[in-house]
Amino acid sequence: MEDLIQSIFDENNENYGYRRIQLELKNRGFIVNHKKVQRLMRKLGLKGSKFTRRSRRYSSYKGNIGTIAKNRINRRFKTPIPCQKLTTDITEFKCSDGPKLYLNPIMDMYNGEILSYGINMRPTLDLVMEPLEEALEIVKNAKYRTTIHSDQGWHYQHGKWVATLKEHKVFQSMSRKGNCLDNSPMENFFGLLKQEMYYGEPLRTYEELKKAIETYIEYYNNKRIKQKLAGMSPVQYRLHASQLAA
């Protein structure tokens, strides 16, 4: 059991605490009390090596330069329906070789899965438009009309963004100005991402960091289990739910 706990801990880059390790043990057929897992981890000296260190939050707000949509989501983040509620935002990272890295993911609030994302050295319009086109292809056959939520950044006020959503009959929703809690699912994802693969690590070059983020999103979608998803990763949860529905 100690060897298995050590293996799970190492496989997940030392990010799993005792509760998630207990869930992973359950997924592998081992029913163990969480207190025992906690005790064994203490014995082995296993504790998450990452730490939280907040950096300056990126803001793309430049005033009212286009369309300000109403807050349709209004903090109603939960949904039992895939592709019904999406959310997006932009965050920035420092790199060791000079340029910054900007990341724009689009998340399905149903299971927290990252459907698409853009990475660039500059926060251009393409940073948001390319992942949007990819996400729209995924949700085009959704059972219910999709809503996509964002902050009031200039990208999301831009005529091209607004027109693309209208063309695909997707509702637009925006957080209130300066209220990050109105988009907490994406803020939580950014927090996890930076805590687990960025903070506490030496600065990397743009290309190194880009590859690390791509690897993390693949891990997050397919392997990183969540307690609120019954101990499954976002993709596992979606596939499991579709099998039950069939």
C-alpha atoms as a PDB file:
ATOM      1  CA  MET A   1       0.000   0.000   0.000  1.00  0.00           C
ATOM      2  CA  GLU A   2       2.847   2.402   0.818  1.00  0.00           C
ATOM      3  CA  ASP A   3       4.486   1.639  -2.552  1.00  0.00           C
ATOM      4  CA  LEU A   4       1.197   2.268  -4.351  1.00  0.00           C
ATOM      5  CA  ILE A   5       0.615   5.559  -2.541  1.00  0.00           C
ATOM      6  CA  GLN A   6       4.167   6.651  -3.371  1.00  0.00           C
ATOM      7  CA  SER A   7       3.614   5.713  -7.029  1.00  0.00           C
ATOM      8  CA  ILE A   8       0.345   7.699  -7.297  1.00  0.00           C
ATOM      9  CA  PHE A   9       1.975  10.682  -5.597  1.00  0.00           C
ATOM     10  CA  ASP A  10       4.930  10.614  -8.018  1.00  0.00           C
ATOM     11  CA  GLU A  11       2.753  10.053 -11.104  1.00  0.00           C
ATOM     12  CA  ASN A  12       0.828  13.237 -10.342  1.00  0.00           C
ATOM     13  CA  ASN A  13       3.847  15.489  -9.891  1.00  0.00           C
ATOM     14  CA  GLU A  14       3.515  15.560  -6.094  1.00  0.00           C
ATOM     15  CA  ASN A  15       0.220  17.477  -6.389  1.00  0.00           C
ATOM     16  CA  TYR A  16      -2.175  14.946  -4.840  1.00  0.00           C
ATOM     17  CA  GLY A  17      -3.183  15.200  -1.195  1.00  0.00           C
ATOM     18  CA  TYR A  18      -4.519  12.280   0.829  1.00  0.00           C
ATOM     19  CA  ARG A  19      -8.149  12.716  -0.259  1.00  0.00           C
ATOM     20  CA  ARG A  20      -7.395  12.528  -3.965  1.00  0.00           C
ATOM     21  CA  ILE A  21      -4.971   9.668  -3.431  1.00  0.00           C
ATOM     22  CA  GLN A  22      -7.764   7.829  -1.604  1.00  0.00           C
ATOM     23  CA  LEU A  23     -10.057   8.418  -4.618  1.00  0.00           C
ATOM     24  CA  GLU A  24      -7.394   7.117  -7.008  1.00  0.00           C
ATOM     25  CA  LEU A  25      -6.888   4.032  -4.817  1.00  0.00           C
ATOM     26  CA  LYS A  26     -10.650   3.457  -4.993  1.00  0.00           C
ATOM     27  CA  ASN A  27     -10.521   3.784  -8.791  1.00  0.00           C
ATOM     28  CA  ARG A  28      -7.876   1.036  -8.791  1.00  0.00           C
ATOM     29  CA  GLY A  29      -9.987  -1.267  -6.635  1.00  0.00           C
ATOM     30  CA  PHE A  30      -8.504  -0.556  -3.189  1.00  0.00           C
ATOM     31  CA  ILE A  31     -10.978   0.566  -0.526  1.00  0.00           C
ATOM     32  CA  VAL A  32      -8.988   2.414   2.129  1.00  0.00           C
ATOM     33  CA  ASN A  33     -10.119   4.891   4.782  1.00  0.00           C
ATOM     34  CA  HIS A  34      -8.868   8.418   4.091  1.00  0.00           C
ATOM     35  CA  LYS A  35      -7.413   8.645   7.592  1.00  0.00           C
ATOM     36  CA  LYS A  36      -5.235   5.616   6.906  1.00  0.00           C
ATOM     37  CA  VAL A  37      -4.039   7.176   3.654  1.00  0.00           C
ATOM     38  CA  GLN A  38      -3.250  10.375   5.523  1.00  0.00           C
ATOM     39  CA  ARG A  39      -1.339   8.421   8.176  1.00  0.00           C
ATOM     40  CA  LEU A  40       0.693   6.487   5.596  1.00  0.00           C
ATOM     41  CA  MET A  41       1.516   9.671   3.681  1.00  0.00           C
ATOM     42  CA  ARG A  42       2.789  11.267   6.879  1.00  0.00           C
ATOM     43  CA  LYS A  43       4.897   8.182   7.530  1.00  0.00           C
ATOM     44  CA  LEU A  44       6.357   8.415   4.014  1.00  0.00           C
ATOM     45  CA  GLY A  45       6.884  12.156   4.339  1.00  0.00           C
ATOM     46  CA  LEU A  46       4.629  12.881   1.346  1.00  0.00           C
ATOM     47  CA  LYS A  47       3.298  16.399   1.150  1.00  0.00           C
ATOM     48  CA  GLY A  48       2.525  18.560  -1.853  1.00  0.00           C
ATOM     49  CA  SER A  49       5.688  20.431  -2.772  1.00  0.00           C
ATOM     50  CA  LYS A  50       3.894  23.225  -4.611  1.00  0.00           C
ATOM     51  CA  PHE A  51       2.860  26.470  -3.007  1.00  0.00           C
ATOM     52  CA  THR A  52       0.668  29.403  -3.834  1.00  0.00           C
ATOM     53  CA  ARG A  53       2.291  32.675  -4.812  1.00  0.00           C
ATOM     54  CA  ARG A  54       0.016  35.106  -6.567  1.00  0.00           C
ATOM     55  CA  SER A  55       1.314  37.094  -9.490  1.00  0.00           C
ATOM     56  CA  ARG A  56      -0.291  40.216 -10.904  1.00  0.00           C
ATOM     57  CA  ARG A  57      -3.596  39.356 -12.527  1.00  0.00           C
ATOM     58  CA  TYR A  58      -3.734  40.098 -16.256  1.00  0.00           C
ATOM     59  CA  SER A  59      -6.483  42.533 -17.270  1.00  0.00           C
ATOM     60  CA  SER A  60      -7.583  43.093 -20.851  1.00  0.00           C
ATOM     61  CA  TYR A  61     -10.217  45.664 -19.875  1.00  0.00           C
ATOM     62  CA  LYS A  62      -9.915  48.878 -21.912  1.00  0.00           C
ATOM     63  CA  GLY A  63     -13.274  50.452 -21.188  1.00  0.00           C
ATOM     64  CA  ASN A  64     -16.429  50.156 -23.275  1.00  0.00           C
ATOM     65  CA  ILE A  65     -15.078  49.739 -26.802  1.00  0.00           C
ATOM     66  CA  GLY A  66     -17.810  47.433 -28.091  1.00  0.00           C
ATOM     67  CA  THR A  67     -20.669  45.279 -26.835  1.00  0.00           C
ATOM     68  CA  ILE A  68     -21.150  44.750 -23.087  1.00  0.00           C
ATOM     69  CA  ALA A  69     -23.336  41.674 -22.674  1.00  0.00           C
ATOM     70  CA  LYS A  70     -25.522  41.078 -19.653  1.00  0.00           C
ATOM     71  CA  ASN A  71     -24.470  38.560 -17.022  1.00  0.00           C
ATOM     72  CA  ARG A  72     -26.616  35.608 -18.101  1.00  0.00           C
ATOM     73  CA  ILE A  73     -24.672  33.112 -15.976  1.00  0.00           C
ATOM     74  CA  ASN A  74     -24.941  35.261 -12.820  1.00  0.00           C
ATOM     75  CA  ARG A  75     -22.774  32.787 -10.842  1.00  0.00           C
ATOM     76  CA  ARG A  76     -25.023  29.841 -11.766  1.00  0.00           C
ATOM     77  CA  PHE A  77     -22.011  27.784 -12.769  1.00  0.00           C
ATOM     78  CA  LYS A  78     -23.372  24.272 -12.258  1.00  0.00           C
ATOM     79  CA  THR A  79     -25.108  22.413 -15.056  1.00  0.00           C
ATOM     80  CA  PRO A  80     -25.896  18.717 -15.652  1.00  0.00           C
ATOM     81  CA  ILE A  81     -25.788  19.271 -19.414  1.00  0.00           C
ATOM     82  CA  PRO A  82     -22.567  19.138 -21.480  1.00  0.00           C
ATOM     83  CA  CYS A  83     -21.763  22.167 -23.645  1.00  0.00           C
ATOM     84  CA  GLN A  84     -24.576  24.263 -22.181  1.00  0.00           C
ATOM     85  CA  LYS A  85     -22.363  26.696 -20.245  1.00  0.00           C
ATOM     86  CA  LEU A  86     -18.832  27.586 -21.338  1.00  0.00           C
ATOM     87  CA  THR A  87     -16.435  30.077 -19.804  1.00  0.00           C
ATOM     88  CA  THR A  88     -13.213  31.724 -20.940  1.00  0.00           C
ATOM     89  CA  ASP A  89     -10.556  34.201 -19.803  1.00  0.00           C
ATOM     90  CA  ILE A  90      -6.924  35.175 -20.401  1.00  0.00           C
ATOM     91  CA  THR A  91      -3.966  34.828 -18.066  1.00  0.00           C
ATOM     92  CA  GLU A  92      -0.291  35.686 -18.467  1.00  0.00           C
ATOM     93  CA  PHE A  93       3.021  34.084 -17.491  1.00  0.00           C
ATOM     94  CA  LYS A  94       6.571  35.408 -17.300  1.00  0.00           C
ATOM     95  CA  CYS A  95       9.245  33.642 -19.366  1.00  0.00           C
ATOM     96  CA  SER A  96      13.003  33.517 -18.879  1.00  0.00           C
ATOM     97  CA  ASP A  97      13.836  34.655 -22.413  1.00  0.00           C
ATOM     98  CA  GLY A  98      11.958  37.967 -22.400  1.00  0.00           C
ATOM     99  CA  PRO A  99       8.472  37.604 -23.911  1.00  0.00           C
ATOM    100  CA  LYS A 100       5.409  36.857 -21.850  1.00  0.00           C
ATOM    101  CA  LEU A 101       3.096  33.940 -22.559  1.00  0.00           C
ATOM    102  CA  TYR A 102      -0.662  34.474 -22.777  1.00  0.00           C
ATOM    103  CA  LEU A 103      -3.135  31.613 -22.372  1.00  0.00           C
ATOM    104  CA  ASN A 104      -6.823  31.667 -23.331  1.00  0.00           C
ATOM    105  CA  PRO A 105      -8.707  28.428 -22.528  1.00  0.00           C
ATOM    106  CA  ILE A 106     -12.397  27.698 -23.077  1.00  0.00           C
ATOM    107  CA  MET A 107     -13.909  25.487 -20.368  1.00  0.00           C
ATOM    108  CA  ASP A 108     -17.128  23.475 -20.224  1.00  0.00           C
ATOM    109  CA  MET A 109     -18.658  24.204 -16.805  1.00  0.00           C
ATOM    110  CA  TYR A 110     -20.403  20.824 -16.918  1.00  0.00           C
ATOM    111  CA  ASN A 111     -17.233  18.947 -15.998  1.00  0.00           C
ATOM    112  CA  GLY A 112     -14.457  21.553 -15.991  1.00  0.00           C
ATOM    113  CA  GLU A 113     -12.980  20.165 -19.203  1.00  0.00           C
ATOM    114  CA  ILE A 114     -10.808  22.485 -21.297  1.00  0.00           C
ATOM    115  CA  LEU A 115     -12.382  22.203 -24.758  1.00  0.00           C
ATOM    116  CA  SER A 116      -9.839  24.372 -26.553  1.00  0.00           C
ATOM    117  CA  TYR A 117      -7.171  26.967 -25.844  1.00  0.00           C
ATOM    118  CA  GLY A 118      -4.865  29.485 -27.460  1.00  0.00           C
ATOM    119  CA  ILE A 119      -1.274  30.342 -26.513  1.00  0.00           C
ATOM    120  CA  ASN A 120       0.612  33.366 -27.848  1.00  0.00           C
ATOM    121  CA  MET A 121       3.384  35.848 -27.025  1.00  0.00           C
ATOM    122  CA  ARG A 122       0.894  38.713 -27.346  1.00  0.00           C
ATOM    123  CA  PRO A 123      -2.751  39.042 -26.319  1.00  0.00           C
ATOM    124  CA  THR A 124      -3.997  39.473 -29.885  1.00  0.00           C
ATOM    125  CA  LEU A 125      -7.532  38.891 -31.140  1.00  0.00           C
ATOM    126  CA  ASP A 126      -6.412  35.575 -32.663  1.00  0.00           C
ATOM    127  CA  LEU A 127      -5.604  34.374 -29.140  1.00  0.00           C
ATOM    128  CA  VAL A 128      -9.347  34.190 -28.440  1.00  0.00           C
ATOM    129  CA  MET A 129     -10.798  33.660 -31.925  1.00  0.00           C
ATOM    130  CA  GLU A 130      -8.919  30.461 -32.796  1.00  0.00           C
ATOM    131  CA  PRO A 131      -9.982  28.546 -29.655  1.00  0.00           C
ATOM    132  CA  LEU A 132     -13.516  29.915 -30.091  1.00  0.00           C
ATOM    133  CA  GLU A 133     -13.776  28.441 -33.597  1.00  0.00           C
ATOM    134  CA  GLU A 134     -12.514  25.111 -32.244  1.00  0.00           C
ATOM    135  CA  ALA A 135     -14.987  25.141 -29.337  1.00  0.00           C
ATOM    136  CA  LEU A 136     -17.905  26.057 -31.623  1.00  0.00           C
ATOM    137  CA  GLU A 137     -17.171  22.988 -33.716  1.00  0.00           C
ATOM    138  CA  ILE A 138     -17.393  20.854 -30.546  1.00  0.00           C
ATOM    139  CA  VAL A 139     -20.687  22.346 -29.295  1.00  0.00           C
ATOM    140  CA  LYS A 140     -22.493  22.646 -32.639  1.00  0.00           C
ATOM    141  CA  ASN A 141     -24.607  19.568 -31.911  1.00  0.00           C
ATOM    142  CA  ALA A 142     -25.274  20.426 -28.259  1.00  0.00           C
ATOM    143  CA  LYS A 143     -28.706  19.465 -26.921  1.00  0.00           C
ATOM    144  CA  TYR A 144     -29.416  22.977 -25.652  1.00  0.00           C
ATOM    145  CA  ARG A 145     -28.314  26.408 -26.825  1.00  0.00           C
ATOM    146  CA  THR A 146     -24.828  27.222 -25.557  1.00  0.00           C
ATOM    147  CA  THR A 147     -23.880  30.260 -23.467  1.00  0.00           C
ATOM    148  CA  ILE A 148     -20.267  31.435 -23.280  1.00  0.00           C
ATOM    149  CA  HIS A 149     -19.217  33.581 -20.320  1.00  0.00           C
ATOM    150  CA  SER A 150     -16.240  35.953 -20.029  1.00  0.00           C
ATOM    151  CA  ASP A 151     -15.102  39.172 -18.410  1.00  0.00           C
ATOM    152  CA  GLN A 152     -15.435  42.559 -20.120  1.00  0.00           C
ATOM    153  CA  GLY A 153     -12.005  42.392 -21.776  1.00  0.00           C
ATOM    154  CA  TRP A 154     -11.649  44.088 -25.162  1.00  0.00           C
ATOM    155  CA  HIS A 155     -11.374  40.735 -26.948  1.00  0.00           C
ATOM    156  CA  TYR A 156     -14.867  39.762 -25.847  1.00  0.00           C
ATOM    157  CA  GLN A 157     -16.353  43.162 -26.724  1.00  0.00           C
ATOM    158  CA  HIS A 158     -14.814  43.011 -30.195  1.00  0.00           C
ATOM    159  CA  GLY A 159     -17.210  42.956 -33.138  1.00  0.00           C
ATOM    160  CA  LYS A 160     -15.675  39.785 -34.582  1.00  0.00           C
ATOM    161  CA  TRP A 161     -16.184  37.846 -31.326  1.00  0.00           C
ATOM    162  CA  VAL A 162     -19.764  39.112 -30.947  1.00  0.00           C
ATOM    163  CA  ALA A 163     -20.655  38.451 -34.589  1.00  0.00           C
ATOM    164  CA  THR A 164     -19.208  34.914 -34.483  1.00  0.00           C
ATOM    165  CA  LEU A 165     -21.328  34.047 -31.447  1.00  0.00           C
ATOM    166  CA  LYS A 166     -24.466  35.436 -33.112  1.00  0.00           C
ATOM    167  CA  GLU A 167     -23.714  33.549 -36.319  1.00  0.00           C
ATOM    168  CA  HIS A 168     -23.561  30.271 -34.368  1.00  0.00           C
ATOM    169  CA  LYS A 169     -26.573  31.172 -32.180  1.00  0.00           C
ATOM    170  CA  VAL A 170     -24.498  31.151 -28.994  1.00  0.00           C
ATOM    171  CA  PHE A 171     -25.582  33.384 -26.114  1.00  0.00           C
ATOM    172  CA  GLN A 172     -22.973  35.821 -24.757  1.00  0.00           C
ATOM    173  CA  SER A 173     -22.582  36.475 -21.026  1.00  0.00           C
ATOM    174  CA  MET A 174     -20.192  38.807 -19.206  1.00  0.00           C
ATOM    175  CA  SER A 175     -19.052  39.251 -15.631  1.00  0.00           C
ATOM    176  CA  ARG A 176     -19.612  42.561 -13.931  1.00  0.00           C
ATOM    177  CA  LYS A 177     -16.684  44.968 -14.224  1.00  0.00           C
ATOM    178  CA  GLY A 178     -13.808  44.066 -11.886  1.00  0.00           C
ATOM    179  CA  ASN A 179     -15.615  41.134 -10.265  1.00  0.00           C
ATOM    180  CA  CYS A 180     -13.469  37.998 -10.635  1.00  0.00           C
ATOM    181  CA  LEU A 181     -15.914  35.916  -8.555  1.00  0.00           C
ATOM    182  CA  ASP A 182     -18.368  36.180 -11.457  1.00  0.00           C
ATOM    183  CA  ASN A 183     -16.010  33.857 -13.354  1.00  0.00           C
ATOM    184  CA  SER A 184     -14.687  31.715 -10.511  1.00  0.00           C
ATOM    185  CA  PRO A 185     -14.546  28.391 -12.468  1.00  0.00           C
ATOM    186  CA  MET A 186     -11.891  29.806 -14.781  1.00  0.00           C
ATOM    187  CA  GLU A 187     -10.128  31.661 -11.957  1.00  0.00           C
ATOM    188  CA  ASN A 188      -9.964  28.356 -10.047  1.00  0.00           C
ATOM    189  CA  PHE A 189      -8.468  26.610 -13.087  1.00  0.00           C
ATOM    190  CA  PHE A 190      -5.811  29.294 -13.479  1.00  0.00           C
ATOM    191  CA  GLY A 191      -5.008  28.937  -9.772  1.00  0.00           C
ATOM    192  CA  LEU A 192      -4.571  25.157 -10.074  1.00  0.00           C
ATOM    193  CA  LEU A 193      -2.533  25.437 -13.250  1.00  0.00           C
ATOM    194  CA  LYS A 194      -0.103  27.953 -11.801  1.00  0.00           C
ATOM    195  CA  GLN A 195       0.153  26.262  -8.423  1.00  0.00           C
ATOM    196  CA  GLU A 196       0.843  22.834  -9.881  1.00  0.00           C
ATOM    197  CA  MET A 197       3.241  23.596 -12.750  1.00  0.00           C
ATOM    198  CA  TYR A 198       4.405  27.241 -12.567  1.00  0.00           C
ATOM    199  CA  TYR A 199       4.836  28.650  -9.054  1.00  0.00           C
ATOM    200  CA  GLY A 200       7.940  27.407  -7.290  1.00  0.00           C
ATOM    201  CA  GLU A 201       9.572  26.363 -10.570  1.00  0.00           C
ATOM    202  CA  PRO A 202      12.519  28.110 -12.286  1.00  0.00           C
ATOM    203  CA  LEU A 203      11.420  30.461 -15.065  1.00  0.00           C
ATOM    204  CA  ARG A 204      11.288  28.669 -18.425  1.00  0.00           C
ATOM    205  CA  THR A 205      11.685  29.915 -21.966  1.00  0.00           C
ATOM    206  CA  TYR A 206       8.535  30.651 -23.946  1.00  0.00           C
ATOM    207  CA  GLU A 207       8.752  27.365 -25.865  1.00  0.00           C
ATOM    208  CA  GLU A 208       9.490  25.336 -22.706  1.00  0.00           C
ATOM    209  CA  LEU A 209       6.570  26.905 -20.855  1.00  0.00           C
ATOM    210  CA  LYS A 210       4.232  26.476 -23.835  1.00  0.00           C
ATOM    211  CA  LYS A 211       5.030  22.761 -23.962  1.00  0.00           C
ATOM    212  CA  ALA A 212       4.609  22.435 -20.173  1.00  0.00           C
ATOM    213  CA  ILE A 213       1.167  24.092 -20.304  1.00  0.00           C
ATOM    214  CA  GLU A 214       0.060  21.862 -23.189  1.00  0.00           C
ATOM    215  CA  THR A 215       1.204  18.802 -21.219  1.00  0.00           C
ATOM    216  CA  TYR A 216      -0.588  20.007 -18.078  1.00  0.00           C
ATOM    217  CA  ILE A 217      -3.904  20.620 -19.876  1.00  0.00           C
ATOM    218  CA  GLU A 218      -3.729  17.110 -21.342  1.00  0.00           C
ATOM    219  CA  TYR A 219      -3.086  15.756 -17.823  1.00  0.00           C
ATOM    220  CA  TYR A 220      -5.821  17.943 -16.286  1.00  0.00           C
ATOM    221  CA  ASN A 221      -8.452  16.843 -18.803  1.00  0.00           C
ATOM    222  CA  ASN A 222      -7.655  13.150 -18.899  1.00  0.00           C
ATOM    223  CA  LYS A 223      -6.008  12.119 -15.640  1.00  0.00           C
ATOM    224  CA  ARG A 224      -6.352  14.659 -12.812  1.00  0.00           C
ATOM    225  CA  ILE A 225      -9.274  13.366 -10.745  1.00  0.00           C
ATOM    226  CA  LYS A 226     -11.755  15.594  -8.896  1.00  0.00           C
ATOM    227  CA  GLN A 227     -13.759  14.820  -5.804  1.00  0.00           C
ATOM    228  CA  LYS A 228     -16.841  16.587  -7.201  1.00  0.00           C
ATOM    229  CA  LEU A 229     -16.642  14.404 -10.337  1.00  0.00           C
ATOM    230  CA  ALA A 230     -16.924  11.207  -8.272  1.00  0.00           C
ATOM    231  CA  GLY A 231     -13.176  10.638  -8.374  1.00  0.00           C
ATOM    232  CA  MET A 232     -12.915  10.918 -12.166  1.00  0.00           C
ATOM    233  CA  SER A 233     -11.088  13.282 -14.478  1.00  0.00           C
ATOM    234  CA  PRO A 234     -13.197  15.647 -16.636  1.00  0.00           C
ATOM    235  CA  VAL A 235     -12.955  13.415 -19.719  1.00  0.00           C
ATOM    236  CA  GLN A 236     -13.594  10.226 -17.723  1.00  0.00           C
ATOM    237  CA  TYR A 237     -16.676  11.843 -16.180  1.00  0.00           C
ATOM    238  CA  ARG A 238     -18.055  12.946 -19.548  1.00  0.00           C
ATOM    239  CA  LEU A 239     -17.537   9.514 -21.102  1.00  0.00           C
ATOM    240  CA  HIS A 240     -19.008   7.763 -18.074  1.00  0.00           C
ATOM    241  CA  ALA A 241     -22.105   9.985 -18.140  1.00  0.00           C
ATOM    242  CA  SER A 242     -22.604   9.425 -21.887  1.00  0.00           C
ATOM    243  CA  GLN A 243     -22.420   5.659 -21.384  1.00  0.00           C
ATOM    244  CA  LEU A 244     -25.059   5.827 -18.660  1.00  0.00           C
ATOM    245  CA  ALA A 245     -27.300   7.955 -20.872  1.00  0.00           C
ATOM    246  CA  ALA A 246     -26.967   5.453 -23.712  1.00  0.00           C
END
